[in-house]
């Protein structure tokens, strides 16, 4: 005879949900999200690639300096050009100036590999919440590359 406690909707008398269909659906959703992410990443790369600077422009950097005219005894008598700058080696920049630039522009400069993902995420979230571009997430490395 059949047991009146056992119902035909739940054979075997097991209670609870079956996890297999739920795991399959979660796997399909994760795979779909991964495919969508790959498509978005590929599209972003395809759009950004043509506007990226040539690597040679970064490795062979030659800033414009003015034409400087000196006397025979090395006294500067004139400078001509659009940009007046002095090119310094890194060790010639005073430490307080280096610290000030890093504090203002990229306070985690020495702790990331060129892209500060926390800063980019913070800027994206802030810009979404405010509905406009109010913050940037670029690092000094990203600014120089741009």
N, C-alpha and C. Protein backbone atom coordinates (compact mmCIF):
# COMPACT_ATOMS: atom_id res chain seq x y z
N UNK A 1 0.83 -1.19 0.00
CA UNK A 1 0.00 0.00 0.00
C UNK A 1 0.86 1.24 0.00
N UNK A 2 0.24 2.29 -0.43
CA UNK A 2 1.02 3.53 -0.48
C UNK A 2 0.90 4.29 0.82
N UNK A 3 1.92 5.03 1.06
CA UNK A 3 2.01 5.82 2.28
C UNK A 3 1.25 7.12 2.04
N UNK A 4 0.28 7.50 2.85
CA UNK A 4 -0.48 8.72 2.63
C UNK A 4 0.37 9.97 2.82
N UNK A 5 1.49 9.85 3.50
CA UNK A 5 2.36 11.01 3.74
C UNK A 5 3.15 11.40 2.49
N UNK A 6 3.36 10.43 1.58
CA UNK A 6 4.15 10.67 0.39
C UNK A 6 3.24 11.26 -0.68
N UNK A 7 3.64 12.36 -1.25
CA UNK A 7 2.82 12.97 -2.29
C UNK A 7 3.44 12.69 -3.65
N UNK A 8 2.63 12.75 -4.67
CA UNK A 8 3.12 12.50 -6.02
C UNK A 8 3.96 13.67 -6.53
N UNK A 9 3.79 14.89 -5.96
CA UNK A 9 4.55 16.05 -6.39
C UNK A 9 5.97 15.99 -5.87
N UNK A 10 6.21 15.27 -4.80
CA UNK A 10 7.54 15.20 -4.20
C UNK A 10 7.91 13.74 -4.04
N UNK A 11 8.30 13.05 -5.11
CA UNK A 11 8.58 11.63 -5.00
C UNK A 11 9.78 11.38 -4.11
N UNK A 12 9.74 10.27 -3.41
CA UNK A 12 10.84 9.90 -2.53
C UNK A 12 10.75 10.57 -1.18
N UNK A 13 9.84 11.48 -0.99
CA UNK A 13 9.66 12.12 0.29
C UNK A 13 10.73 13.15 0.64
N UNK A 14 11.54 13.60 -0.34
CA UNK A 14 12.58 14.61 -0.06
C UNK A 14 11.94 15.98 0.01
N UNK A 15 12.39 16.77 0.93
CA UNK A 15 11.86 18.13 1.02
C UNK A 15 12.93 19.12 0.58
N UNK A 16 12.55 20.29 0.16
CA UNK A 16 13.50 21.33 -0.24
C UNK A 16 13.56 21.47 -1.75
N UNK A 17 14.42 22.40 -2.18
CA UNK A 17 14.58 22.70 -3.60
C UNK A 17 15.70 21.87 -4.20
N UNK A 18 15.61 21.62 -5.46
CA UNK A 18 16.68 20.95 -6.18
C UNK A 18 17.68 22.01 -6.63
N UNK A 19 18.94 21.80 -6.33
CA UNK A 19 19.97 22.81 -6.61
C UNK A 19 20.52 22.72 -8.03
N UNK A 20 20.37 21.59 -8.69
CA UNK A 20 20.94 21.43 -10.03
C UNK A 20 20.39 22.45 -11.03
N UNK A 21 19.08 22.60 -11.16
CA UNK A 21 18.59 23.60 -12.13
C UNK A 21 19.04 25.02 -11.78
N UNK A 22 19.12 25.31 -10.50
CA UNK A 22 19.55 26.64 -10.08
C UNK A 22 21.02 26.88 -10.44
N UNK A 23 21.85 25.87 -10.24
CA UNK A 23 23.27 25.99 -10.59
C UNK A 23 23.47 26.10 -12.10
N UNK A 24 22.69 25.37 -12.86
CA UNK A 24 22.78 25.45 -14.33
C UNK A 24 22.41 26.84 -14.81
N UNK A 25 21.32 27.38 -14.25
CA UNK A 25 20.91 28.74 -14.64
C UNK A 25 21.94 29.78 -14.24
N UNK A 26 22.53 29.64 -13.05
CA UNK A 26 23.57 30.57 -12.61
C UNK A 26 24.80 30.46 -13.51
N UNK A 27 25.16 29.25 -13.91
CA UNK A 27 26.29 29.06 -14.82
C UNK A 27 26.04 29.70 -16.17
N UNK A 28 24.83 29.53 -16.69
CA UNK A 28 24.48 30.14 -17.97
C UNK A 28 24.51 31.66 -17.87
N UNK A 29 24.01 32.21 -16.76
CA UNK A 29 24.03 33.66 -16.55
C UNK A 29 25.46 34.17 -16.45
N UNK A 30 26.32 33.44 -15.73
CA UNK A 30 27.72 33.85 -15.61
C UNK A 30 28.43 33.79 -16.95
N UNK A 31 28.17 32.76 -17.73
CA UNK A 31 28.78 32.65 -19.06
C UNK A 31 28.31 33.78 -19.96
N UNK A 32 27.02 34.10 -19.89
CA UNK A 32 26.49 35.22 -20.68
C UNK A 32 27.12 36.54 -20.28
N UNK A 33 27.28 36.74 -18.97
CA UNK A 33 27.92 37.98 -18.50
C UNK A 33 29.37 38.04 -18.95
N UNK A 34 30.06 36.91 -18.94
CA UNK A 34 31.45 36.88 -19.40
C UNK A 34 31.55 37.21 -20.88
N UNK A 35 30.65 36.66 -21.68
CA UNK A 35 30.64 36.95 -23.11
C UNK A 35 30.35 38.43 -23.35
N UNK A 36 29.37 38.98 -22.63
CA UNK A 36 29.05 40.41 -22.77
C UNK A 36 30.24 41.27 -22.37
N UNK A 37 30.91 40.90 -21.28
CA UNK A 37 32.09 41.65 -20.85
C UNK A 37 33.21 41.59 -21.88
N UNK A 38 33.41 40.43 -22.48
CA UNK A 38 34.44 40.29 -23.51
C UNK A 38 34.11 41.13 -24.73
N UNK A 39 32.83 41.18 -25.10
CA UNK A 39 32.41 41.99 -26.25
C UNK A 39 32.63 43.47 -25.96
N UNK A 40 32.24 43.91 -24.76
CA UNK A 40 32.42 45.33 -24.39
C UNK A 40 33.90 45.68 -24.35
N UNK A 41 34.73 44.81 -23.76
CA UNK A 41 36.17 45.06 -23.71
C UNK A 41 36.76 45.11 -25.11
N UNK A 42 36.36 44.19 -25.98
CA UNK A 42 36.85 44.20 -27.36
C UNK A 42 36.43 45.46 -28.10
N UNK A 43 35.20 45.89 -27.90
CA UNK A 43 34.71 47.12 -28.54
C UNK A 43 35.48 48.34 -28.05
N UNK A 44 35.70 48.41 -26.72
CA UNK A 44 36.45 49.53 -26.17
C UNK A 44 37.87 49.56 -26.71
N UNK A 45 38.50 48.40 -26.80
CA UNK A 45 39.86 48.33 -27.34
C UNK A 45 39.88 48.71 -28.81
N UNK A 46 38.89 48.25 -29.58
CA UNK A 46 38.83 48.58 -31.00
C UNK A 46 38.63 50.08 -31.22
N UNK A 47 37.86 50.72 -30.35
CA UNK A 47 37.65 52.15 -30.49
C UNK A 47 38.84 52.97 -30.01
N UNK A 48 39.53 52.50 -28.97
CA UNK A 48 40.64 53.27 -28.41
C UNK A 48 41.95 53.05 -29.16
N UNK A 49 42.13 51.90 -29.78
CA UNK A 49 43.41 51.55 -30.41
C UNK A 49 43.90 52.59 -31.43
N UNK A 50 43.05 53.10 -32.33
CA UNK A 50 43.57 54.07 -33.32
C UNK A 50 44.05 55.38 -32.70
N UNK A 51 43.54 55.74 -31.54
CA UNK A 51 43.92 57.03 -30.95
C UNK A 51 45.06 56.91 -29.95
N UNK A 52 45.57 55.70 -29.72
CA UNK A 52 46.69 55.53 -28.79
C UNK A 52 47.96 56.10 -29.41
N UNK A 53 48.81 56.75 -28.60
CA UNK A 53 50.04 57.31 -29.15
C UNK A 53 51.02 56.20 -29.51
N UNK A 54 51.90 56.50 -30.46
CA UNK A 54 52.93 55.56 -30.85
C UNK A 54 53.90 55.38 -29.70
N UNK A 55 54.33 54.18 -29.44
CA UNK A 55 55.25 53.90 -28.35
C UNK A 55 56.57 54.64 -28.54
N UNK A 56 56.97 54.84 -29.79
CA UNK A 56 58.21 55.56 -30.07
C UNK A 56 58.14 57.01 -29.55
N UNK A 57 56.94 57.58 -29.56
CA UNK A 57 56.78 58.94 -29.05
C UNK A 57 57.06 59.01 -27.56
N UNK A 58 56.83 57.90 -26.86
CA UNK A 58 57.07 57.88 -25.42
C UNK A 58 58.53 57.56 -25.09
N UNK A 59 59.14 56.66 -25.85
CA UNK A 59 60.51 56.25 -25.54
C UNK A 59 61.54 57.25 -26.02
N UNK A 60 61.21 58.04 -27.03
CA UNK A 60 62.15 59.03 -27.57
C UNK A 60 61.57 60.44 -27.36
N UNK A 61 61.27 60.76 -26.11
CA UNK A 61 60.63 62.04 -25.77
C UNK A 61 61.64 63.17 -25.88
N UNK A 62 61.32 64.16 -26.68
CA UNK A 62 62.17 65.33 -26.84
C UNK A 62 61.30 66.59 -26.70
N UNK A 63 61.24 67.15 -25.51
CA UNK A 63 60.40 68.35 -25.33
C UNK A 63 60.99 69.54 -26.07
N UNK A 64 60.11 70.43 -26.45
CA UNK A 64 60.57 71.64 -27.14
C UNK A 64 61.20 72.58 -26.11
N UNK A 65 62.41 72.95 -26.37
CA UNK A 65 63.11 73.90 -25.51
C UNK A 65 63.45 75.11 -26.36
N UNK A 66 63.56 76.28 -25.75
CA UNK A 66 63.85 77.48 -26.53
C UNK A 66 65.29 77.47 -27.04
N UNK A 67 65.50 78.22 -28.09
CA UNK A 67 66.86 78.43 -28.58
C UNK A 67 67.52 79.40 -27.60
N UNK A 68 68.62 78.98 -27.03
CA UNK A 68 69.33 79.82 -26.07
C UNK A 68 70.65 80.28 -26.69
N UNK A 69 70.89 81.59 -26.61
CA UNK A 69 72.11 82.17 -27.17
C UNK A 69 72.99 82.64 -26.03
N UNK A 70 74.25 82.15 -26.05
CA UNK A 70 75.21 82.45 -25.00
C UNK A 70 76.39 83.22 -25.60
N UNK A 71 77.04 83.97 -24.75
CA UNK A 71 78.28 84.64 -25.14
C UNK A 71 79.42 83.62 -25.03
N UNK A 72 80.60 84.03 -25.45
CA UNK A 72 81.76 83.14 -25.40
C UNK A 72 82.09 82.73 -23.97
N UNK A 73 81.77 83.59 -23.00
CA UNK A 73 82.05 83.24 -21.60
C UNK A 73 80.82 82.62 -20.90
N UNK A 74 79.93 82.06 -21.70
CA UNK A 74 78.77 81.27 -21.24
C UNK A 74 77.75 82.09 -20.44
N UNK A 75 77.52 83.31 -20.84
CA UNK A 75 76.48 84.14 -20.25
C UNK A 75 75.29 84.14 -21.21
N UNK A 76 74.11 83.80 -20.69
CA UNK A 76 72.90 83.75 -21.51
C UNK A 76 72.50 85.17 -21.90
N UNK A 77 72.35 85.40 -23.21
CA UNK A 77 71.95 86.74 -23.66
C UNK A 77 70.58 86.75 -24.33
N UNK A 78 70.01 85.56 -24.62
CA UNK A 78 68.68 85.55 -25.23
C UNK A 78 68.09 84.15 -25.32
N UNK A 79 66.75 84.12 -25.26
CA UNK A 79 66.00 82.88 -25.45
C UNK A 79 64.89 83.15 -26.46
N UNK A 80 64.76 82.26 -27.44
CA UNK A 80 63.74 82.41 -28.47
C UNK A 80 63.00 81.10 -28.64
N UNK A 81 61.67 81.19 -28.70
CA UNK A 81 60.85 80.00 -28.89
C UNK A 81 59.50 80.16 -28.24
N UNK A 82 58.60 79.22 -28.54
CA UNK A 82 57.24 79.28 -28.01
C UNK A 82 57.16 78.82 -26.56
N UNK A 83 57.96 77.84 -26.21
CA UNK A 83 57.91 77.28 -24.86
C UNK A 83 59.25 77.51 -24.18
N UNK A 84 59.18 78.05 -22.97
CA UNK A 84 60.39 78.29 -22.18
C UNK A 84 60.39 77.31 -21.01
N UNK A 85 61.23 76.31 -21.13
CA UNK A 85 61.30 75.29 -20.08
C UNK A 85 62.73 74.82 -19.91
N UNK A 86 62.98 74.32 -18.74
CA UNK A 86 64.26 73.70 -18.44
C UNK A 86 63.99 72.23 -18.17
N UNK A 87 64.68 71.37 -18.87
CA UNK A 87 64.51 69.94 -18.68
C UNK A 87 65.43 69.50 -17.55
N UNK A 88 64.83 68.85 -16.56
CA UNK A 88 65.58 68.38 -15.39
C UNK A 88 65.57 66.87 -15.34
N UNK A 89 66.64 66.30 -14.82
CA UNK A 89 66.64 64.88 -14.49
C UNK A 89 65.81 64.70 -13.22
N UNK A 90 65.32 63.49 -13.02
CA UNK A 90 64.45 63.22 -11.87
C UNK A 90 65.14 63.58 -10.56
N UNK A 91 66.42 63.26 -10.43
CA UNK A 91 67.12 63.54 -9.17
C UNK A 91 67.39 65.03 -8.96
N UNK A 92 67.17 65.87 -9.98
CA UNK A 92 67.33 67.32 -9.83
C UNK A 92 66.06 68.00 -9.32
N UNK A 93 64.95 67.29 -9.31
CA UNK A 93 63.69 67.85 -8.82
C UNK A 93 63.69 67.72 -7.30
N UNK A 94 63.47 68.80 -6.58
CA UNK A 94 63.47 68.73 -5.11
C UNK A 94 62.42 67.73 -4.60
N UNK A 95 62.77 66.96 -3.56
CA UNK A 95 61.82 65.96 -3.03
C UNK A 95 60.48 66.55 -2.63
N UNK A 96 60.47 67.76 -2.08
CA UNK A 96 59.20 68.36 -1.67
C UNK A 96 58.30 68.64 -2.88
N UNK A 97 58.90 68.96 -4.03
CA UNK A 97 58.13 69.17 -5.25
C UNK A 97 57.55 67.85 -5.76
N UNK A 98 58.34 66.78 -5.72
CA UNK A 98 57.85 65.45 -6.12
C UNK A 98 56.68 65.04 -5.24
N UNK A 99 56.82 65.23 -3.92
CA UNK A 99 55.77 64.84 -2.99
C UNK A 99 54.51 65.68 -3.20
N UNK A 100 54.68 66.96 -3.50
CA UNK A 100 53.52 67.83 -3.72
C UNK A 100 52.75 67.41 -4.97
N UNK A 101 53.46 67.09 -6.04
CA UNK A 101 52.79 66.65 -7.27
C UNK A 101 52.07 65.33 -7.05
N UNK A 102 52.73 64.40 -6.37
CA UNK A 102 52.09 63.11 -6.10
C UNK A 102 50.88 63.26 -5.18
N UNK A 103 50.95 64.14 -4.20
CA UNK A 103 49.82 64.35 -3.29
C UNK A 103 48.62 64.94 -4.04
N UNK A 104 48.89 65.82 -5.02
CA UNK A 104 47.80 66.46 -5.75
C UNK A 104 47.26 65.59 -6.88
N UNK A 105 48.11 64.81 -7.52
CA UNK A 105 47.71 64.10 -8.72
C UNK A 105 47.50 62.61 -8.56
N UNK A 106 48.34 61.93 -7.78
CA UNK A 106 48.30 60.47 -7.74
C UNK A 106 48.96 59.99 -6.46
N UNK A 107 48.23 60.04 -5.35
CA UNK A 107 48.83 59.72 -4.06
C UNK A 107 49.20 58.25 -3.89
N UNK A 108 48.70 57.37 -4.77
CA UNK A 108 49.09 55.95 -4.72
C UNK A 108 50.04 55.59 -5.87
N UNK A 109 50.82 56.56 -6.32
CA UNK A 109 51.71 56.39 -7.48
C UNK A 109 52.63 55.18 -7.36
N UNK A 110 53.21 54.98 -6.20
CA UNK A 110 54.17 53.90 -6.02
C UNK A 110 53.52 52.56 -5.68
N UNK A 111 52.20 52.51 -5.56
CA UNK A 111 51.55 51.26 -5.17
C UNK A 111 50.73 50.63 -6.29
N UNK A 112 50.70 51.23 -7.48
CA UNK A 112 49.99 50.61 -8.60
C UNK A 112 50.92 50.52 -9.80
N UNK A 113 50.50 49.78 -10.78
CA UNK A 113 51.34 49.53 -11.94
C UNK A 113 51.07 50.46 -13.11
N UNK A 114 50.54 51.62 -12.88
CA UNK A 114 50.25 52.58 -13.95
C UNK A 114 48.78 52.91 -14.05
N UNK A 115 47.92 51.98 -13.67
CA UNK A 115 46.47 52.22 -13.66
C UNK A 115 45.98 51.96 -12.24
N UNK A 116 45.41 52.98 -11.64
CA UNK A 116 44.86 52.87 -10.29
C UNK A 116 43.39 52.48 -10.42
N UNK A 117 43.12 51.16 -10.38
CA UNK A 117 41.77 50.67 -10.60
C UNK A 117 40.80 51.18 -9.55
N UNK A 118 41.25 51.36 -8.31
CA UNK A 118 40.35 51.91 -7.27
C UNK A 118 39.98 53.35 -7.62
N UNK A 119 40.93 54.13 -8.11
CA UNK A 119 40.65 55.51 -8.50
C UNK A 119 39.72 55.59 -9.70
N UNK A 120 39.91 54.69 -10.68
CA UNK A 120 39.04 54.66 -11.85
C UNK A 120 37.61 54.29 -11.43
N UNK A 121 37.48 53.28 -10.57
CA UNK A 121 36.15 52.86 -10.10
C UNK A 121 35.47 53.98 -9.31
N UNK A 122 36.24 54.67 -8.44
CA UNK A 122 35.70 55.79 -7.67
C UNK A 122 35.19 56.89 -8.59
N UNK A 123 35.98 57.21 -9.62
CA UNK A 123 35.59 58.27 -10.55
C UNK A 123 34.35 57.88 -11.35
N UNK A 124 34.29 56.62 -11.80
CA UNK A 124 33.13 56.16 -12.56
C UNK A 124 31.87 56.24 -11.70
N UNK A 125 31.94 55.74 -10.47
CA UNK A 125 30.76 55.79 -9.60
C UNK A 125 30.33 57.21 -9.30
N UNK A 126 31.30 58.09 -9.01
CA UNK A 126 30.97 59.48 -8.73
C UNK A 126 30.33 60.15 -9.93
N UNK A 127 30.87 59.89 -11.12
CA UNK A 127 30.32 60.50 -12.33
C UNK A 127 28.92 59.96 -12.64
N UNK A 128 28.67 58.69 -12.36
CA UNK A 128 27.33 58.13 -12.57
C UNK A 128 26.34 58.75 -11.60
N UNK A 129 26.73 58.87 -10.32
CA UNK A 129 25.84 59.43 -9.31
C UNK A 129 25.52 60.89 -9.62
N UNK A 130 26.54 61.67 -10.03
CA UNK A 130 26.33 63.09 -10.29
C UNK A 130 25.75 63.35 -11.67
N UNK A 131 25.83 62.36 -12.58
CA UNK A 131 25.27 62.53 -13.91
C UNK A 131 26.11 63.38 -14.83
N UNK A 132 27.35 63.64 -14.46
CA UNK A 132 28.26 64.41 -15.31
C UNK A 132 29.69 64.02 -14.98
N UNK A 133 30.61 64.47 -15.81
CA UNK A 133 32.01 64.16 -15.56
C UNK A 133 32.55 65.15 -14.55
N UNK A 134 32.50 64.75 -13.27
CA UNK A 134 32.98 65.64 -12.22
C UNK A 134 34.32 65.19 -11.67
N UNK A 135 34.71 63.94 -11.92
CA UNK A 135 35.99 63.44 -11.44
C UNK A 135 36.67 62.64 -12.52
N UNK A 136 38.00 62.63 -12.46
CA UNK A 136 38.79 61.80 -13.36
C UNK A 136 39.50 60.74 -12.56
N UNK A 137 39.76 59.63 -13.19
CA UNK A 137 40.44 58.55 -12.50
C UNK A 137 41.83 58.28 -13.05
N UNK A 138 42.34 59.21 -13.87
CA UNK A 138 43.62 58.93 -14.51
C UNK A 138 44.78 59.19 -13.54
N UNK A 139 45.81 58.40 -13.72
CA UNK A 139 47.03 58.53 -12.92
C UNK A 139 48.04 59.38 -13.69
N UNK A 140 49.14 59.69 -13.06
CA UNK A 140 50.18 60.45 -13.75
C UNK A 140 50.65 59.67 -14.97
N UNK A 141 50.81 58.37 -14.82
CA UNK A 141 51.25 57.53 -15.94
C UNK A 141 50.25 57.61 -17.09
N UNK A 142 48.97 57.57 -16.79
CA UNK A 142 47.95 57.65 -17.83
C UNK A 142 47.94 59.03 -18.49
N UNK A 143 48.18 60.09 -17.71
CA UNK A 143 48.20 61.45 -18.26
C UNK A 143 49.39 61.64 -19.20
N UNK A 144 50.55 61.10 -18.81
CA UNK A 144 51.73 61.22 -19.66
C UNK A 144 51.52 60.44 -20.95
N UNK A 145 50.92 59.26 -20.88
CA UNK A 145 50.68 58.46 -22.06
C UNK A 145 49.68 59.14 -23.00
N UNK A 146 48.70 59.84 -22.43
CA UNK A 146 47.72 60.54 -23.25
C UNK A 146 48.36 61.72 -23.95
